[in-house]
Amino acid sequence: MRSTITARGQTVIPSEIRQYFHLSPSDRLEWIVDGTVIRVIPVKTDPVDAFRGRGAGGASARLLAERAQDRNKE
């Protein structure tokens, strides 16, 4: 997928990418220069939504198990 940069420095995000990442007009993007590569990362306004899906999974179950162990030690 390609897009063109306008004279004002604007570009269009292809619709397939907007749909895949659920991007809307109010969303923000972070631009990172990594050597000769430019990475664009969507930044969610809600930090909980931003973290969702990044963990190993099962965090709630692990937390409940740890709390149960703590209660048993008392």
C-alpha atoms as a PDB file:
ATOM      1  CA  MET A   1       0.000   0.000   0.000  1.00  0.00           C
ATOM      2  CA  ARG A   2       1.232   3.465  -0.822  1.00  0.00           C
ATOM      3  CA  SER A   3       0.146   7.016  -0.245  1.00  0.00           C
ATOM      4  CA  THR A   4       1.423  10.370  -1.472  1.00  0.00           C
ATOM      5  CA  ILE A   5       2.591  13.300   0.653  1.00  0.00           C
ATOM      6  CA  THR A   6       0.917  16.582  -0.269  1.00  0.00           C
ATOM      7  CA  ALA A   7       2.643  19.982  -0.484  1.00  0.00           C
ATOM      8  CA  ARG A   8       1.383  20.652   3.059  1.00  0.00           C
ATOM      9  CA  GLY A   9       3.024  17.449   4.369  1.00  0.00           C
ATOM     10  CA  GLN A  10      -0.243  15.520   4.688  1.00  0.00           C
ATOM     11  CA  THR A  11      -0.916  11.954   3.611  1.00  0.00           C
ATOM     12  CA  VAL A  12      -3.847   9.543   3.590  1.00  0.00           C
ATOM     13  CA  ILE A  13      -3.839   6.353   5.655  1.00  0.00           C
ATOM     14  CA  PRO A  14      -5.167   3.577   3.389  1.00  0.00           C
ATOM     15  CA  SER A  15      -8.643   2.395   4.389  1.00  0.00           C
ATOM     16  CA  GLU A  16      -7.448  -1.199   4.937  1.00  0.00           C
ATOM     17  CA  ILE A  17      -5.011   0.016   7.595  1.00  0.00           C
ATOM     18  CA  ARG A  18      -7.610   2.314   9.213  1.00  0.00           C
ATOM     19  CA  GLN A  19     -10.063  -0.579   9.407  1.00  0.00           C
ATOM     20  CA  TYR A  20      -7.504  -3.105  10.696  1.00  0.00           C
ATOM     21  CA  PHE A  21      -6.351  -0.801  13.517  1.00  0.00           C
ATOM     22  CA  HIS A  22      -9.831   0.709  14.114  1.00  0.00           C
ATOM     23  CA  LEU A  23      -8.532   4.241  13.480  1.00  0.00           C
ATOM     24  CA  SER A  24     -10.912   7.188  13.427  1.00  0.00           C
ATOM     25  CA  PRO A  25     -10.374  10.888  12.614  1.00  0.00           C
ATOM     26  CA  SER A  26      -9.753  11.806  16.278  1.00  0.00           C
ATOM     27  CA  ASP A  27      -7.067   9.138  16.859  1.00  0.00           C
ATOM     28  CA  ARG A  28      -3.427  10.149  17.197  1.00  0.00           C
ATOM     29  CA  LEU A  29      -0.328   8.588  15.648  1.00  0.00           C
ATOM     30  CA  GLU A  30       3.219   8.462  16.973  1.00  0.00           C
ATOM     31  CA  TRP A  31       6.025   8.685  14.415  1.00  0.00           C
ATOM     32  CA  ILE A  32       9.301   6.963  15.312  1.00  0.00           C
ATOM     33  CA  VAL A  33      12.506   7.212  13.276  1.00  0.00           C
ATOM     34  CA  ASP A  34      14.452   3.950  13.531  1.00  0.00           C
ATOM     35  CA  GLY A  35      17.587   4.412  11.443  1.00  0.00           C
ATOM     36  CA  THR A  36      16.333   4.667   7.880  1.00  0.00           C
ATOM     37  CA  VAL A  37      12.860   3.340   8.742  1.00  0.00           C
ATOM     38  CA  ILE A  38       9.826   5.360   9.847  1.00  0.00           C
ATOM     39  CA  ARG A  39       7.417   3.522  12.155  1.00  0.00           C
ATOM     40  CA  VAL A  40       3.910   4.852  12.736  1.00  0.00           C
ATOM     41  CA  ILE A  41       2.160   3.661  15.889  1.00  0.00           C
ATOM     42  CA  PRO A  42      -1.478   4.342  16.796  1.00  0.00           C
ATOM     43  CA  VAL A  43      -1.789   5.933  20.241  1.00  0.00           C
ATOM     44  CA  LYS A  44      -5.031   5.261  22.091  1.00  0.00           C
ATOM     45  CA  THR A  45      -6.360   7.941  24.428  1.00  0.00           C
ATOM     46  CA  ASP A  46      -7.481   5.355  26.997  1.00  0.00           C
ATOM     47  CA  PRO A  47      -4.411   3.708  28.598  1.00  0.00           C
ATOM     48  CA  VAL A  48      -6.399   0.576  29.500  1.00  0.00           C
ATOM     49  CA  ASP A  49      -7.429   0.098  25.856  1.00  0.00           C
ATOM     50  CA  ALA A  50      -3.838   0.712  24.805  1.00  0.00           C
ATOM     51  CA  PHE A  51      -2.582  -2.113  27.040  1.00  0.00           C
ATOM     52  CA  ARG A  52      -5.417  -4.523  26.278  1.00  0.00           C
ATOM     53  CA  GLY A  53      -4.139  -7.553  24.374  1.00  0.00           C
ATOM     54  CA  ARG A  54      -0.455  -6.888  25.113  1.00  0.00           C
ATOM     55  CA  GLY A  55      -0.071  -9.173  28.131  1.00  0.00           C
ATOM     56  CA  ALA A  56       0.470 -12.909  28.304  1.00  0.00           C
ATOM     57  CA  GLY A  57      -3.184 -13.474  29.194  1.00  0.00           C
ATOM     58  CA  GLY A  58      -4.676 -14.878  32.360  1.00  0.00           C
ATOM     59  CA  ALA A  59      -3.579 -11.952  34.546  1.00  0.00           C
ATOM     60  CA  SER A  60      -6.861 -11.936  36.464  1.00  0.00           C
ATOM     61  CA  ALA A  61      -6.643 -15.653  37.208  1.00  0.00           C
ATOM     62  CA  ARG A  62      -3.026 -15.292  38.382  1.00  0.00           C
ATOM     63  CA  LEU A  63      -3.923 -12.366  40.621  1.00  0.00           C
ATOM     64  CA  LEU A  64      -6.822 -14.262  42.205  1.00  0.00           C
ATOM     65  CA  ALA A  65      -4.599 -17.322  42.761  1.00  0.00           C
ATOM     66  CA  GLU A  66      -1.923 -15.160  44.428  1.00  0.00           C
ATOM     67  CA  ARG A  67      -4.523 -13.536  46.679  1.00  0.00           C
ATOM     68  CA  ALA A  68      -5.853 -16.981  47.668  1.00  0.00           C
ATOM     69  CA  GLN A  69      -2.310 -18.099  48.547  1.00  0.00           C
ATOM     70  CA  ASP A  70      -1.831 -14.970  50.648  1.00  0.00           C
ATOM     71  CA  ARG A  71      -5.080 -15.673  52.534  1.00  0.00           C
ATOM     72  CA  ASN A  72      -3.997 -19.262  53.192  1.00  0.00           C
ATOM     73  CA  LYS A  73      -0.696 -18.048  54.674  1.00  0.00           C
ATOM     74  CA  GLU A  74      -2.478 -15.874  57.262  1.00  0.00           C
END
